[in-house]
Amino acid sequence: EVQQLRERQQRYGPAECSGEERVAYLQSVAARLESLEHHCWLREREVQQTLEKTQRMADFELSVEKQKMQLVLQVKNNEIERFRMELDVLLQQLHSLTCAPAAPPLASSP
């Protein structure tokens, strides 16, 4: 890359520039390019870290919501189970009432 910059500077640079000036110019361009590449690398790393942090936060929030929903589901399942037990008791009582021998009529007093 530096060699290409040197060649371009020699082809397109001002004719009155000395070789030392051109080399100094190309070195400054190369240094600037290196600085820009480093800045770009830092920015990409920052973006990657931000993405990873965001993903971790989203995963954590999803996990918390799943736990909440599991608790809600467990509470509902418990309610259903209590209802079933109450219903079974009522059905047993109904069954015992329908299967019991009929009670004799009450004697009326004179």
PDB file of N, CA and C in Angstrom:
ATOM      1  N   GLU A   1       0.820  -1.193   0.000  1.00  0.00           N
ATOM      2  CA  GLU A   1       0.000   0.000   0.000  1.00  0.00           C
ATOM      3  C   GLU A   1       0.867   1.262   0.000  1.00  0.00           C
ATOM      4  N   VAL A   2       1.882   1.259   0.832  1.00  0.00           N
ATOM      5  CA  VAL A   2       2.769   2.422   0.892  1.00  0.00           C
ATOM      6  C   VAL A   2       3.488   2.588  -0.433  1.00  0.00           C
ATOM      7  N   GLN A   3       3.896   1.459  -1.005  1.00  0.00           N
ATOM      8  CA  GLN A   3       4.574   1.513  -2.301  1.00  0.00           C
ATOM      9  C   GLN A   3       3.646   2.095  -3.370  1.00  0.00           C
ATOM     10  N   GLN A   4       2.384   1.692  -3.352  1.00  0.00           N
ATOM     11  CA  GLN A   4       1.427   2.235  -4.315  1.00  0.00           C
ATOM     12  C   GLN A   4       1.248   3.735  -4.115  1.00  0.00           C
ATOM     13  N   LEU A   5       1.198   4.164  -2.866  1.00  0.00           N
ATOM     14  CA  LEU A   5       1.075   5.598  -2.595  1.00  0.00           C
ATOM     15  C   LEU A   5       2.300   6.348  -3.097  1.00  0.00           C
ATOM     16  N   ARG A   6       3.458   5.764  -2.910  1.00  0.00           N
ATOM     17  CA  ARG A   6       4.691   6.404  -3.404  1.00  0.00           C
ATOM     18  C   ARG A   6       4.662   6.539  -4.925  1.00  0.00           C
ATOM     19  N   GLU A   7       4.228   5.478  -5.578  1.00  0.00           N
ATOM     20  CA  GLU A   7       4.168   5.526  -7.041  1.00  0.00           C
ATOM     21  C   GLU A   7       3.169   6.578  -7.519  1.00  0.00           C
ATOM     22  N   ARG A   8       2.037   6.636  -6.875  1.00  0.00           N
ATOM     23  CA  ARG A   8       1.039   7.643  -7.257  1.00  0.00           C
ATOM     24  C   ARG A   8       1.581   9.054  -7.021  1.00  0.00           C
ATOM     25  N   GLN A   9       2.245   9.246  -5.901  1.00  0.00           N
ATOM     26  CA  GLN A   9       2.785  10.571  -5.604  1.00  0.00           C
ATOM     27  C   GLN A   9       3.827  10.961  -6.650  1.00  0.00           C
ATOM     28  N   GLN A  10       4.640  10.010  -7.077  1.00  0.00           N
ATOM     29  CA  GLN A  10       5.656  10.305  -8.080  1.00  0.00           C
ATOM     30  C   GLN A  10       5.013  10.628  -9.434  1.00  0.00           C
ATOM     31  N   ARG A  11       3.930   9.910  -9.748  1.00  0.00           N
ATOM     32  CA  ARG A  11       3.255  10.156 -11.023  1.00  0.00           C
ATOM     33  C   ARG A  11       2.467  11.458 -11.019  1.00  0.00           C
ATOM     34  N   TYR A  12       1.753  11.698  -9.894  1.00  0.00           N
ATOM     35  CA  TYR A  12       0.805  12.805  -9.872  1.00  0.00           C
ATOM     36  C   TYR A  12       1.244  13.972  -9.002  1.00  0.00           C
ATOM     37  N   GLY A  13       2.321  13.822  -8.279  1.00  0.00           N
ATOM     38  CA  GLY A  13       2.761  14.878  -7.370  1.00  0.00           C
ATOM     39  C   GLY A  13       3.367  16.051  -8.131  1.00  0.00           C
ATOM     40  N   PRO A  14       3.515  17.178  -7.447  1.00  0.00           N
ATOM     41  CA  PRO A  14       4.113  18.348  -8.116  1.00  0.00           C
ATOM     42  C   PRO A  14       5.552  18.071  -8.518  1.00  0.00           C
ATOM     43  N   ALA A  15       5.921  18.566  -9.641  1.00  0.00           N
ATOM     44  CA  ALA A  15       7.258  18.327 -10.195  1.00  0.00           C
ATOM     45  C   ALA A  15       8.336  18.999  -9.362  1.00  0.00           C
ATOM     46  N   GLU A  16       7.992  20.087  -8.670  1.00  0.00           N
ATOM     47  CA  GLU A  16       9.012  20.802  -7.910  1.00  0.00           C
ATOM     48  C   GLU A  16       9.345  20.149  -6.570  1.00  0.00           C
ATOM     49  N   CYS A  17       8.637  19.086  -6.202  1.00  0.00           N
ATOM     50  CA  CYS A  17       8.920  18.406  -4.940  1.00  0.00           C
ATOM     51  C   CYS A  17      10.166  17.559  -5.084  1.00  0.00           C
ATOM     52  N   SER A  18      10.987  17.593  -4.043  1.00  0.00           N
ATOM     53  CA  SER A  18      12.193  16.766  -4.044  1.00  0.00           C
ATOM     54  C   SER A  18      11.821  15.357  -3.612  1.00  0.00           C
ATOM     55  N   GLY A  19      12.717  14.452  -3.772  1.00  0.00           N
ATOM     56  CA  GLY A  19      12.486  13.068  -3.385  1.00  0.00           C
ATOM     57  C   GLY A  19      12.241  12.940  -1.894  1.00  0.00           C
ATOM     58  N   GLU A  20      12.972  13.713  -1.112  1.00  0.00           N
ATOM     59  CA  GLU A  20      12.802  13.667   0.343  1.00  0.00           C
ATOM     60  C   GLU A  20      11.429  14.192   0.750  1.00  0.00           C
ATOM     61  N   GLU A  21      11.002  15.256   0.064  1.00  0.00           N
ATOM     62  CA  GLU A  21       9.674  15.808   0.362  1.00  0.00           C
ATOM     63  C   GLU A  21       8.572  14.795   0.025  1.00  0.00           C
ATOM     64  N   ARG A  22       8.760  14.127  -1.099  1.00  0.00           N
ATOM     65  CA  ARG A  22       7.778  13.127  -1.500  1.00  0.00           C
ATOM     66  C   ARG A  22       7.726  11.975  -0.492  1.00  0.00           C
ATOM     67  N   VAL A  23       8.893  11.524  -0.083  1.00  0.00           N
ATOM     68  CA  VAL A  23       8.949  10.440   0.893  1.00  0.00           C
ATOM     69  C   VAL A  23       8.279  10.884   2.194  1.00  0.00           C
ATOM     70  N   ALA A  24       8.548  12.100   2.624  1.00  0.00           N
ATOM     71  CA  ALA A  24       7.941  12.608   3.857  1.00  0.00           C
ATOM     72  C   ALA A  24       6.429  12.706   3.697  1.00  0.00           C
ATOM     73  N   TYR A  25       6.003  13.163   2.545  1.00  0.00           N
ATOM     74  CA  TYR A  25       4.573  13.273   2.268  1.00  0.00           C
ATOM     75  C   TYR A  25       3.918  11.883   2.308  1.00  0.00           C
ATOM     76  N   LEU A  26       4.538  10.924   1.617  1.00  0.00           N
ATOM     77  CA  LEU A  26       3.988   9.579   1.580  1.00  0.00           C
ATOM     78  C   LEU A  26       3.986   8.944   2.975  1.00  0.00           C
ATOM     79  N   GLN A  27       5.003   9.233   3.742  1.00  0.00           N
ATOM     80  CA  GLN A  27       5.035   8.700   5.103  1.00  0.00           C
ATOM     81  C   GLN A  27       3.904   9.294   5.941  1.00  0.00           C
ATOM     82  N   SER A  28       3.622  10.570   5.739  1.00  0.00           N
ATOM     83  CA  SER A  28       2.524  11.180   6.485  1.00  0.00           C
ATOM     84  C   SER A  28       1.176  10.602   6.024  1.00  0.00           C
ATOM     85  N   VAL A  29       1.058  10.354   4.725  1.00  0.00           N
ATOM     86  CA  VAL A  29      -0.161   9.742   4.214  1.00  0.00           C
ATOM     87  C   VAL A  29      -0.301   8.326   4.781  1.00  0.00           C
ATOM     88  N   ALA A  30       0.789   7.581   4.801  1.00  0.00           N
ATOM     89  CA  ALA A  30       0.768   6.221   5.335  1.00  0.00           C
ATOM     90  C   ALA A  30       0.418   6.244   6.827  1.00  0.00           C
ATOM     91  N   ALA A  31       0.964   7.189   7.560  1.00  0.00           N
ATOM     92  CA  ALA A  31       0.659   7.304   8.987  1.00  0.00           C
ATOM     93  C   ALA A  31      -0.816   7.648   9.184  1.00  0.00           C
ATOM     94  N   ARG A  32      -1.314   8.546   8.358  1.00  0.00           N
ATOM     95  CA  ARG A  32      -2.735   8.915   8.461  1.00  0.00           C
ATOM     96  C   ARG A  32      -3.623   7.713   8.135  1.00  0.00           C
ATOM     97  N   LEU A  33      -3.239   6.982   7.101  1.00  0.00           N
ATOM     98  CA  LEU A  33      -3.990   5.793   6.721  1.00  0.00           C
ATOM     99  C   LEU A  33      -3.971   4.772   7.862  1.00  0.00           C
ATOM    100  N   GLU A  34      -2.829   4.565   8.460  1.00  0.00           N
ATOM    101  CA  GLU A  34      -2.724   3.644   9.593  1.00  0.00           C
ATOM    102  C   GLU A  34      -3.586   4.111  10.761  1.00  0.00           C
ATOM    103  N   SER A  35      -3.590   5.416  10.988  1.00  0.00           N
ATOM    104  CA  SER A  35      -4.414   5.969  12.060  1.00  0.00           C
ATOM    105  C   SER A  35      -5.895   5.736  11.777  1.00  0.00           C
ATOM    106  N   LEU A  36      -6.316   5.960  10.537  1.00  0.00           N
ATOM    107  CA  LEU A  36      -7.707   5.732  10.153  1.00  0.00           C
ATOM    108  C   LEU A  36      -8.087   4.258  10.275  1.00  0.00           C
ATOM    109  N   GLU A  37      -7.190   3.365   9.877  1.00  0.00           N
ATOM    110  CA  GLU A  37      -7.457   1.938   9.990  1.00  0.00           C
ATOM    111  C   GLU A  37      -7.602   1.542  11.458  1.00  0.00           C
ATOM    112  N   HIS A  38      -6.744   2.082  12.313  1.00  0.00           N
ATOM    113  CA  HIS A  38      -6.818   1.782  13.741  1.00  0.00           C
ATOM    114  C   HIS A  38      -8.137   2.303  14.319  1.00  0.00           C
ATOM    115  N   HIS A  39      -8.509   3.513  13.943  1.00  0.00           N
ATOM    116  CA  HIS A  39      -9.771   4.090  14.407  1.00  0.00           C
ATOM    117  C   HIS A  39     -10.948   3.231  13.946  1.00  0.00           C
ATOM    118  N   CYS A  40     -10.892   2.783  12.724  1.00  0.00           N
ATOM    119  CA  CYS A  40     -11.955   1.920  12.185  1.00  0.00           C
ATOM    120  C   CYS A  40     -12.007   0.606  12.961  1.00  0.00           C
ATOM    121  N   TRP A  41     -10.855   0.033  13.249  1.00  0.00           N
ATOM    122  CA  TRP A  41     -10.796  -1.220  14.010  1.00  0.00           C
ATOM    123  C   TRP A  41     -11.391  -1.022  15.399  1.00  0.00           C
ATOM    124  N   LEU A  42     -11.031   0.099  16.047  1.00  0.00           N
ATOM    125  CA  LEU A  42     -11.578   0.385  17.371  1.00  0.00           C
ATOM    126  C   LEU A  42     -13.095   0.533  17.310  1.00  0.00           C
ATOM    127  N   ARG A  43     -13.578   1.224  16.315  1.00  0.00           N
ATOM    128  CA  ARG A  43     -15.017   1.431  16.162  1.00  0.00           C
ATOM    129  C   ARG A  43     -15.736   0.100  15.934  1.00  0.00           C
ATOM    130  N   GLU A  44     -15.174  -0.748  15.075  1.00  0.00           N
ATOM    131  CA  GLU A  44     -15.769  -2.052  14.827  1.00  0.00           C
ATOM    132  C   GLU A  44     -15.798  -2.886  16.109  1.00  0.00           C
ATOM    133  N   ARG A  45     -14.730  -2.819  16.880  1.00  0.00           N
ATOM    134  CA  ARG A  45     -14.682  -3.547  18.152  1.00  0.00           C
ATOM    135  C   ARG A  45     -15.739  -3.024  19.124  1.00  0.00           C
ATOM    136  N   GLU A  46     -15.888  -1.700  19.166  1.00  0.00           N
ATOM    137  CA  GLU A  46     -16.904  -1.086  20.029  1.00  0.00           C
ATOM    138  C   GLU A  46     -18.308  -1.526  19.612  1.00  0.00           C
ATOM    139  N   VAL A  47     -18.573  -1.528  18.319  1.00  0.00           N
ATOM    140  CA  VAL A  47     -19.875  -1.958  17.811  1.00  0.00           C
ATOM    141  C   VAL A  47     -20.109  -3.424  18.151  1.00  0.00           C
ATOM    142  N   GLN A  48     -19.079  -4.260  17.980  1.00  0.00           N
ATOM    143  CA  GLN A  48     -19.209  -5.685  18.291  1.00  0.00           C
ATOM    144  C   GLN A  48     -19.504  -5.882  19.777  1.00  0.00           C
ATOM    145  N   GLN A  49     -18.816  -5.143  20.636  1.00  0.00           N
ATOM    146  CA  GLN A  49     -19.060  -5.248  22.076  1.00  0.00           C
ATOM    147  C   GLN A  49     -20.469  -4.789  22.427  1.00  0.00           C
ATOM    148  N   THR A  50     -20.925  -3.739  21.782  1.00  0.00           N
ATOM    149  CA  THR A  50     -22.286  -3.250  22.010  1.00  0.00           C
ATOM    150  C   THR A  50     -23.314  -4.294  21.586  1.00  0.00           C
ATOM    151  N   LEU A  51     -23.076  -4.923  20.447  1.00  0.00           N
ATOM    152  CA  LEU A  51     -23.977  -5.976  19.973  1.00  0.00           C
ATOM    153  C   LEU A  51     -23.999  -7.154  20.946  1.00  0.00           C
ATOM    154  N   GLU A  52     -22.833  -7.554  21.418  1.00  0.00           N
ATOM    155  CA  GLU A  52     -22.760  -8.671  22.365  1.00  0.00           C
ATOM    156  C   GLU A  52     -23.472  -8.317  23.669  1.00  0.00           C
ATOM    157  N   LYS A  53     -23.275  -7.097  24.153  1.00  0.00           N
ATOM    158  CA  LYS A  53     -23.935  -6.659  25.384  1.00  0.00           C
ATOM    159  C   LYS A  53     -25.452  -6.650  25.190  1.00  0.00           C
ATOM    160  N   THR A  54     -25.893  -6.133  24.063  1.00  0.00           N
ATOM    161  CA  THR A  54     -27.324  -6.095  23.760  1.00  0.00           C
ATOM    162  C   THR A  54     -27.895  -7.506  23.693  1.00  0.00           C
ATOM    163  N   GLN A  55     -27.160  -8.427  23.079  1.00  0.00           N
ATOM    164  CA  GLN A  55     -27.613  -9.808  22.979  1.00  0.00           C
ATOM    165  C   GLN A  55     -27.708 -10.445  24.368  1.00  0.00           C
ATOM    166  N   ARG A  56     -26.696 -10.195  25.214  1.00  0.00           N
ATOM    167  CA  ARG A  56     -26.737 -10.740  26.576  1.00  0.00           C
ATOM    168  C   ARG A  56     -27.934 -10.197  27.344  1.00  0.00           C
ATOM    169  N   MET A  57     -28.189  -8.896  27.202  1.00  0.00           N
ATOM    170  CA  MET A  57     -29.328  -8.289  27.892  1.00  0.00           C
ATOM    171  C   MET A  57     -30.642  -8.879  27.386  1.00  0.00           C
ATOM    172  N   ALA A  58     -30.755  -9.051  26.084  1.00  0.00           N
ATOM    173  CA  ALA A  58     -31.978  -9.622  25.508  1.00  0.00           C
ATOM    174  C   ALA A  58     -32.168 -11.058  25.981  1.00  0.00           C
ATOM    175  N   ASP A  59     -31.077 -11.828  26.023  1.00  0.00           N
ATOM    176  CA  ASP A  59     -31.166 -13.206  26.510  1.00  0.00           C
ATOM    177  C   ASP A  59     -31.596 -13.237  27.970  1.00  0.00           C
ATOM    178  N   PHE A  60     -31.042 -12.343  28.773  1.00  0.00           N
ATOM    179  CA  PHE A  60     -31.398 -12.280  30.190  1.00  0.00           C
ATOM    180  C   PHE A  60     -32.869 -11.918  30.356  1.00  0.00           C
ATOM    181  N   GLU A  61     -33.320 -10.897  29.630  1.00  0.00           N
ATOM    182  CA  GLU A  61     -34.721 -10.474  29.718  1.00  0.00           C
ATOM    183  C   GLU A  61     -35.656 -11.600  29.274  1.00  0.00           C
ATOM    184  N   LEU A  62     -35.269 -12.312  28.232  1.00  0.00           N
ATOM    185  CA  LEU A  62     -36.080 -13.444  27.764  1.00  0.00           C
ATOM    186  C   LEU A  62     -36.138 -14.526  28.835  1.00  0.00           C
ATOM    187  N   SER A  63     -35.016 -14.795  29.466  1.00  0.00           N
ATOM    188  CA  SER A  63     -34.978 -15.789  30.529  1.00  0.00           C
ATOM    189  C   SER A  63     -35.881 -15.387  31.696  1.00  0.00           C
ATOM    190  N   VAL A  64     -35.838 -14.123  32.070  1.00  0.00           N
ATOM    191  CA  VAL A  64     -36.686 -13.633  33.162  1.00  0.00           C
ATOM    192  C   VAL A  64     -38.159 -13.779  32.787  1.00  0.00           C
ATOM    193  N   GLU A  65     -38.512 -13.412  31.577  1.00  0.00           N
ATOM    194  CA  GLU A  65     -39.903 -13.531  31.130  1.00  0.00           C
ATOM    195  C   GLU A  65     -40.355 -14.992  31.094  1.00  0.00           C
ATOM    196  N   LYS A  66     -39.472 -15.880  30.659  1.00  0.00           N
ATOM    197  CA  LYS A  66     -39.815 -17.298  30.655  1.00  0.00           C
ATOM    198  C   LYS A  66     -40.088 -17.789  32.068  1.00  0.00           C
ATOM    199  N   GLN A  67     -39.243 -17.372  33.006  1.00  0.00           N
ATOM    200  CA  GLN A  67     -39.447 -17.776  34.402  1.00  0.00           C
ATOM    201  C   GLN A  67     -40.773 -17.241  34.929  1.00  0.00           C
ATOM    202  N   LYS A  68     -41.088 -15.996  34.604  1.00  0.00           N
ATOM    203  CA  LYS A  68     -42.360 -15.421  35.039  1.00  0.00           C
ATOM    204  C   LYS A  68     -43.532 -16.217  34.465  1.00  0.00           C
ATOM    205  N   MET A  69     -43.444 -16.541  33.190  1.00  0.00           N
ATOM    206  CA  MET A  69     -44.533 -17.282  32.554  1.00  0.00           C
ATOM    207  C   MET A  69     -44.638 -18.691  33.134  1.00  0.00           C
ATOM    208  N   GLN A  70     -43.518 -19.310  33.463  1.00  0.00           N
ATOM    209  CA  GLN A  70     -43.562 -20.633  34.076  1.00  0.00           C
ATOM    210  C   GLN A  70     -44.245 -20.572  35.438  1.00  0.00           C
ATOM    211  N   LEU A  71     -43.963 -19.514  36.195  1.00  0.00           N
ATOM    212  CA  LEU A  71     -44.619 -19.350  37.488  1.00  0.00           C
ATOM    213  C   LEU A  71     -46.124 -19.146  37.327  1.00  0.00           C
ATOM    214  N   VAL A  72     -46.497 -18.308  36.373  1.00  0.00           N
ATOM    215  CA  VAL A  72     -47.918 -18.072  36.111  1.00  0.00           C
ATOM    216  C   VAL A  72     -48.586 -19.378  35.691  1.00  0.00           C
ATOM    217  N   LEU A  73     -47.921 -20.112  34.835  1.00  0.00           N
ATOM    218  CA  LEU A  73     -48.464 -21.389  34.377  1.00  0.00           C
ATOM    219  C   LEU A  73     -48.601 -22.367  35.546  1.00  0.00           C
ATOM    220  N   GLN A  74     -47.627 -22.412  36.424  1.00  0.00           N
ATOM    221  CA  GLN A  74     -47.700 -23.298  37.584  1.00  0.00           C
ATOM    222  C   GLN A  74     -48.865 -22.920  38.499  1.00  0.00           C
ATOM    223  N   VAL A  75     -49.066 -21.619  38.715  1.00  0.00           N
ATOM    224  CA  VAL A  75     -50.189 -21.161  39.534  1.00  0.00           C
ATOM    225  C   VAL A  75     -51.509 -21.596  38.898  1.00  0.00           C
ATOM    226  N   LYS A  76     -51.628 -21.409  37.604  1.00  0.00           N
ATOM    227  CA  LYS A  76     -52.861 -21.810  36.905  1.00  0.00           C
ATOM    228  C   LYS A  76     -53.059 -23.321  36.984  1.00  0.00           C
ATOM    229  N   ASN A  77     -51.989 -24.080  36.808  1.00  0.00           N
ATOM    230  CA  ASN A  77     -52.095 -25.534  36.910  1.00  0.00           C
ATOM    231  C   ASN A  77     -52.549 -25.950  38.312  1.00  0.00           C
ATOM    232  N   ASN A  78     -52.038 -25.283  39.314  1.00  0.00           N
ATOM    233  CA  ASN A  78     -52.463 -25.563  40.690  1.00  0.00           C
ATOM    234  C   ASN A  78     -53.950 -25.239  40.880  1.00  0.00           C
ATOM    235  N   GLU A  79     -54.390 -24.128  40.326  1.00  0.00           N
ATOM    236  CA  GLU A  79     -55.808 -23.765  40.407  1.00  0.00           C
ATOM    237  C   GLU A  79     -56.676 -24.824  39.733  1.00  0.00           C
ATOM    238  N   ILE A  80     -56.242 -25.287  38.580  1.00  0.00           N
ATOM    239  CA  ILE A  80     -56.993 -26.310  37.850  1.00  0.00           C
ATOM    240  C   ILE A  80     -57.039 -27.600  38.662  1.00  0.00           C
ATOM    241  N   GLU A  81     -55.917 -27.959  39.249  1.00  0.00           N
ATOM    242  CA  GLU A  81     -55.887 -29.180  40.057  1.00  0.00           C
ATOM    243  C   GLU A  81     -56.814 -29.071  41.267  1.00  0.00           C
ATOM    244  N   ARG A  82     -56.845 -27.925  41.941  1.00  0.00           N
ATOM    245  CA  ARG A  82     -57.773 -27.718  43.056  1.00  0.00           C
ATOM    246  C   ARG A  82     -59.226 -27.799  42.578  1.00  0.00           C
ATOM    247  N   PHE A  83     -59.509 -27.220  41.439  1.00  0.00           N
ATOM    248  CA  PHE A  83     -60.859 -27.274  40.875  1.00  0.00           C
ATOM    249  C   PHE A  83     -61.253 -28.724  40.593  1.00  0.00           C
ATOM    250  N   ARG A  84     -60.329 -29.493  40.013  1.00  0.00           N
ATOM    251  CA  ARG A  84     -60.621 -30.896  39.712  1.00  0.00           C
ATOM    252  C   ARG A  84     -60.916 -31.676  40.997  1.00  0.00           C
ATOM    253  N   MET A  85     -60.133 -31.410  42.029  1.00  0.00           N
ATOM    254  CA  MET A  85     -60.363 -32.103  43.299  1.00  0.00           C
ATOM    255  C   MET A  85     -61.729 -31.731  43.874  1.00  0.00           C
ATOM    256  N   GLU A  86     -62.076 -30.461  43.837  1.00  0.00           N
ATOM    257  CA  GLU A  86     -63.384 -30.022  44.329  1.00  0.00           C
ATOM    258  C   GLU A  86     -64.504 -30.647  43.493  1.00  0.00           C
ATOM    259  N   LEU A  87     -64.293 -30.684  42.195  1.00  0.00           N
ATOM    260  CA  LEU A  87     -65.280 -31.285  41.305  1.00  0.00           C
ATOM    261  C   LEU A  87     -65.436 -32.777  41.600  1.00  0.00           C
ATOM    262  N   ASP A  88     -64.338 -33.472  41.826  1.00  0.00           N
ATOM    263  CA  ASP A  88     -64.409 -34.902  42.172  1.00  0.00           C
ATOM    264  C   ASP A  88     -65.206 -35.118  43.458  1.00  0.00           C
ATOM    265  N   VAL A  89     -64.968 -34.268  44.458  1.00  0.00           N
ATOM    266  CA  VAL A  89     -65.711 -34.385  45.715  1.00  0.00           C
ATOM    267  C   VAL A  89     -67.196 -34.172  45.459  1.00  0.00           C
ATOM    268  N   LEU A  90     -67.524 -33.144  44.696  1.00  0.00           N
ATOM    269  CA  LEU A  90     -68.941 -32.874  44.396  1.00  0.00           C
ATOM    270  C   LEU A  90     -69.577 -34.030  43.623  1.00  0.00           C
ATOM    271  N   LEU A  91     -68.848 -34.594  42.669  1.00  0.00           N
ATOM    272  CA  LEU A  91     -69.382 -35.717  41.890  1.00  0.00           C
ATOM    273  C   LEU A  91     -69.569 -36.947  42.774  1.00  0.00           C
ATOM    274  N   GLN A  92     -68.637 -37.181  43.684  1.00  0.00           N
ATOM    275  CA  GLN A  92     -68.797 -38.300  44.611  1.00  0.00           C
ATOM    276  C   GLN A  92     -70.019 -38.101  45.507  1.00  0.00           C
ATOM    277  N   GLN A  93     -70.215 -36.887  45.985  1.00  0.00           N
ATOM    278  CA  GLN A  93     -71.382 -36.604  46.817  1.00  0.00           C
ATOM    279  C   GLN A  93     -72.667 -36.798  46.019  1.00  0.00           C
ATOM    280  N   LEU A  94     -72.666 -36.323  44.791  1.00  0.00           N
ATOM    281  CA  LEU A  94     -73.834 -36.494  43.934  1.00  0.00           C
ATOM    282  C   LEU A  94     -74.099 -37.964  43.687  1.00  0.00           C
ATOM    283  N   HIS A  95     -73.059 -38.700  43.420  1.00  0.00           N
ATOM    284  CA  HIS A  95     -73.200 -40.131  43.173  1.00  0.00           C
ATOM    285  C   HIS A  95     -73.741 -40.835  44.415  1.00  0.00           C
ATOM    286  N   SER A  96     -73.235 -40.498  45.580  1.00  0.00           N
ATOM    287  CA  SER A  96     -73.722 -41.151  46.802  1.00  0.00           C
ATOM    288  C   SER A  96     -75.178 -40.789  47.059  1.00  0.00           C
ATOM    289  N   LEU A  97     -75.588 -39.599  46.690  1.00  0.00           N
ATOM    290  CA  LEU A  97     -76.988 -39.206  46.884  1.00  0.00           C
ATOM    291  C   LEU A  97     -77.904 -39.922  45.901  1.00  0.00           C
ATOM    292  N   THR A  98     -77.471 -40.121  44.698  1.00  0.00           N
ATOM    293  CA  THR A  98     -78.329 -40.770  43.703  1.00  0.00           C
ATOM    294  C   THR A  98     -78.361 -42.275  43.892  1.00  0.00           C
ATOM    295  N   CYS A  99     -77.349 -42.850  44.463  1.00  0.00           N
ATOM    296  CA  CYS A  99     -77.296 -44.290  44.655  1.00  0.00           C
ATOM    297  C   CYS A  99     -77.808 -44.708  46.030  1.00  0.00           C
ATOM    298  N   ALA A 100     -78.016 -43.826  46.939  1.00  0.00           N
ATOM    299  CA  ALA A 100     -78.482 -44.159  48.293  1.00  0.00           C
ATOM    300  C   ALA A 100     -79.926 -44.603  48.227  1.00  0.00           C
ATOM    301  N   PRO A 101     -80.311 -45.548  49.125  1.00  0.00           N
ATOM    302  CA  PRO A 101     -81.704 -45.965  49.125  1.00  0.00           C
ATOM    303  C   PRO A 101     -82.597 -44.788  49.503  1.00  0.00           C
ATOM    304  N   ALA A 102     -83.737 -44.839  48.935  1.00  0.00           N
ATOM    305  CA  ALA A 102     -84.662 -43.732  49.194  1.00  0.00           C
ATOM    306  C   ALA A 102     -85.063 -43.748  50.653  1.00  0.00           C
ATOM    307  N   ALA A 103     -85.103 -42.641  51.268  1.00  0.00           N
ATOM    308  CA  ALA A 103     -85.496 -42.532  52.671  1.00  0.00           C
ATOM    309  C   ALA A 103     -86.997 -42.677  52.779  1.00  0.00           C
ATOM    310  N   PRO A 104     -87.463 -43.390  53.847  1.00  0.00           N
ATOM    311  CA  PRO A 104     -88.905 -43.544  53.978  1.00  0.00           C
ATOM    312  C   PRO A 104     -89.545 -42.190  54.228  1.00  0.00           C
ATOM    313  N   PRO A 105     -90.762 -42.039  53.762  1.00  0.00           N
ATOM    314  CA  PRO A 105     -91.412 -40.751  53.970  1.00  0.00           C
ATOM    315  C   PRO A 105     -91.621 -40.528  55.452  1.00  0.00           C
ATOM    316  N   LEU A 106     -91.614 -39.319  55.832  1.00  0.00           N
ATOM    317  CA  LEU A 106     -91.815 -38.960  57.222  1.00  0.00           C
ATOM    318  C   LEU A 106     -93.268 -39.176  57.602  1.00  0.00           C
ATOM    319  N   ALA A 107     -93.426 -39.766  58.756  1.00  0.00           N
ATOM    320  CA  ALA A 107     -94.794 -40.024  59.227  1.00  0.00           C
ATOM    321  C   ALA A 107     -95.413 -38.702  59.638  1.00  0.00           C
ATOM    322  N   SER A 108     -96.626 -38.558  59.240  1.00  0.00           N
ATOM    323  CA  SER A 108     -97.300 -37.320  59.617  1.00  0.00           C
ATOM    324  C   SER A 108     -97.983 -37.513  60.967  1.00  0.00           C
ATOM    325  N   SER A 109     -97.975 -36.537  61.772  1.00  0.00           N
ATOM    326  CA  SER A 109     -98.600 -36.613  63.093  1.00  0.00           C
ATOM    327  C   SER A 109    -100.077 -36.288  62.996  1.00  0.00           C
ATOM    328  N   PRO A 110    -100.966 -37.026  63.847  1.00  0.00           N
ATOM    329  CA  PRO A 110    -102.410 -36.770  63.817  1.00  0.00           C
ATOM    330  C   PRO A 110    -102.796 -35.570  64.539  1.00  0.00           C
TER     331      PRO A 110
END
